[in-house]
Amino acid sequence: MAQADKIKEHMEVKSSDGEHVGTVDRVEGSDRIKLTKSDAGAHAGHHHFIPLDWVDHVDAHVHLSKTSKDVSANWQHGHS
């Protein structure tokens, strides 16, 4: 996955509608991004995971192909 090597810790993650949905903690495994716990708004204290398949492109930010509503409705929750 060509996009994964461009994703770095602390990059901002933006939805397709331009909303901030999180900050990269790290790329985990070969298929998902782990977001920081402290940057999850109402969901703070829990890590959230988003599939790399959702990444549209990477520049100074990680841009997703899903809207913020779709992201928050479908991301995976974790406590690690």
C-alpha atoms as a PDB file:
ATOM      1  CA  MET A   1       0.000   0.000   0.000  1.00  0.00           C
ATOM      2  CA  ALA A   2       1.852   3.062  -1.287  1.00  0.00           C
ATOM      3  CA  GLN A   3       0.069   5.531   1.012  1.00  0.00           C
ATOM      4  CA  ALA A   4       1.088   3.802   4.260  1.00  0.00           C
ATOM      5  CA  ASP A   5       4.754   4.750   3.966  1.00  0.00           C
ATOM      6  CA  LYS A   6       3.791   8.438   3.686  1.00  0.00           C
ATOM      7  CA  ILE A   7       1.772   8.423   6.920  1.00  0.00           C
ATOM      8  CA  LYS A   8       3.742   9.666   9.917  1.00  0.00           C
ATOM      9  CA  GLU A   9       3.009  10.073  13.629  1.00  0.00           C
ATOM     10  CA  HIS A  10       1.141  13.236  14.598  1.00  0.00           C
ATOM     11  CA  MET A  11      -0.242  13.908  11.110  1.00  0.00           C
ATOM     12  CA  GLU A  12      -3.723  15.381  11.060  1.00  0.00           C
ATOM     13  CA  VAL A  13      -6.433  13.132   9.599  1.00  0.00           C
ATOM     14  CA  LYS A  14      -9.176  14.896   7.625  1.00  0.00           C
ATOM     15  CA  SER A  15     -12.432  13.559   6.263  1.00  0.00           C
ATOM     16  CA  SER A  16     -13.583  14.080   2.675  1.00  0.00           C
ATOM     17  CA  ASP A  17     -15.712  17.013   3.874  1.00  0.00           C
ATOM     18  CA  GLY A  18     -12.620  18.704   5.344  1.00  0.00           C
ATOM     19  CA  GLU A  19     -13.340  17.966   9.015  1.00  0.00           C
ATOM     20  CA  HIS A  20     -10.602  17.049  11.489  1.00  0.00           C
ATOM     21  CA  VAL A  21     -11.264  13.460  12.594  1.00  0.00           C
ATOM     22  CA  GLY A  22      -8.081  12.735  14.514  1.00  0.00           C
ATOM     23  CA  THR A  23      -4.312  12.636  14.738  1.00  0.00           C
ATOM     24  CA  VAL A  24      -2.169   9.676  13.719  1.00  0.00           C
ATOM     25  CA  ASP A  25      -0.673   7.729  16.607  1.00  0.00           C
ATOM     26  CA  ARG A  26       0.853   5.193  14.202  1.00  0.00           C
ATOM     27  CA  VAL A  27       0.166   2.856  11.309  1.00  0.00           C
ATOM     28  CA  GLU A  28      -0.693  -0.467  12.881  1.00  0.00           C
ATOM     29  CA  GLY A  29      -0.066  -3.633  10.953  1.00  0.00           C
ATOM     30  CA  SER A  30      -0.528  -3.445   7.227  1.00  0.00           C
ATOM     31  CA  ASP A  31      -4.108  -2.306   7.119  1.00  0.00           C
ATOM     32  CA  ARG A  32      -5.072   0.367   9.650  1.00  0.00           C
ATOM     33  CA  ILE A  33      -4.228   3.692  11.260  1.00  0.00           C
ATOM     34  CA  LYS A  34      -4.356   4.079  15.020  1.00  0.00           C
ATOM     35  CA  LEU A  35      -5.500   7.540  16.134  1.00  0.00           C
ATOM     36  CA  THR A  36      -4.308   9.184  19.353  1.00  0.00           C
ATOM     37  CA  LYS A  37      -6.489   8.807  22.455  1.00  0.00           C
ATOM     38  CA  SER A  38      -6.337  12.455  23.410  1.00  0.00           C
ATOM     39  CA  ASP A  39      -7.691  13.740  20.112  1.00  0.00           C
ATOM     40  CA  ALA A  40     -11.022  11.983  19.892  1.00  0.00           C
ATOM     41  CA  GLY A  41     -13.379  14.680  21.159  1.00  0.00           C
ATOM     42  CA  ALA A  42     -16.305  13.051  22.924  1.00  0.00           C
ATOM     43  CA  HIS A  43     -14.560   9.709  22.557  1.00  0.00           C
ATOM     44  CA  ALA A  44     -11.325  10.795  24.284  1.00  0.00           C
ATOM     45  CA  GLY A  45      -9.601   8.108  26.315  1.00  0.00           C
ATOM     46  CA  HIS A  46     -10.039   5.440  23.650  1.00  0.00           C
ATOM     47  CA  HIS A  47      -7.992   4.733  20.565  1.00  0.00           C
ATOM     48  CA  HIS A  48      -9.849   4.612  17.283  1.00  0.00           C
ATOM     49  CA  PHE A  49      -8.704   2.719  14.233  1.00  0.00           C
ATOM     50  CA  ILE A  50      -9.431   3.486  10.615  1.00  0.00           C
ATOM     51  CA  PRO A  51      -8.661   1.221   7.667  1.00  0.00           C
ATOM     52  CA  LEU A  52      -5.936   2.295   5.261  1.00  0.00           C
ATOM     53  CA  ASP A  53      -8.517   1.594   2.537  1.00  0.00           C
ATOM     54  CA  TRP A  54     -10.216   4.849   3.569  1.00  0.00           C
ATOM     55  CA  VAL A  55      -7.137   6.930   2.696  1.00  0.00           C
ATOM     56  CA  ASP A  56      -7.690   8.945  -0.460  1.00  0.00           C
ATOM     57  CA  HIS A  57      -4.288  10.673  -0.470  1.00  0.00           C
ATOM     58  CA  VAL A  58      -1.517  11.912   1.788  1.00  0.00           C
ATOM     59  CA  ASP A  59       0.193  15.301   1.657  1.00  0.00           C
ATOM     60  CA  ALA A  60       0.783  17.356   4.813  1.00  0.00           C
ATOM     61  CA  HIS A  61      -2.347  15.601   6.120  1.00  0.00           C
ATOM     62  CA  VAL A  62      -3.996  12.221   5.742  1.00  0.00           C
ATOM     63  CA  HIS A  63      -7.094  12.765   3.597  1.00  0.00           C
ATOM     64  CA  LEU A  64      -9.882  10.186   3.784  1.00  0.00           C
ATOM     65  CA  SER A  65     -12.458   9.223   1.175  1.00  0.00           C
ATOM     66  CA  LYS A  66     -15.258   9.202   3.792  1.00  0.00           C
ATOM     67  CA  THR A  67     -17.167  12.039   5.437  1.00  0.00           C
ATOM     68  CA  SER A  68     -16.629  12.792   9.119  1.00  0.00           C
ATOM     69  CA  LYS A  69     -20.044  11.285   9.875  1.00  0.00           C
ATOM     70  CA  ASP A  70     -19.131   8.049   8.064  1.00  0.00           C
ATOM     71  CA  VAL A  71     -15.747   7.896   9.807  1.00  0.00           C
ATOM     72  CA  SER A  72     -17.134   8.287  13.335  1.00  0.00           C
ATOM     73  CA  ALA A  73     -19.962   5.834  12.607  1.00  0.00           C
ATOM     74  CA  ASN A  74     -17.647   3.140  11.264  1.00  0.00           C
ATOM     75  CA  TRP A  75     -14.233   3.422  12.925  1.00  0.00           C
ATOM     76  CA  GLN A  76     -13.146   0.656  15.262  1.00  0.00           C
ATOM     77  CA  HIS A  77     -12.808   1.342  18.983  1.00  0.00           C
ATOM     78  CA  GLY A  78      -9.960   0.102  21.133  1.00  0.00           C
ATOM     79  CA  HIS A  79      -8.449   0.536  24.577  1.00  0.00           C
ATOM     80  CA  SER A  80      -4.824  -0.310  23.803  1.00  0.00           C
END
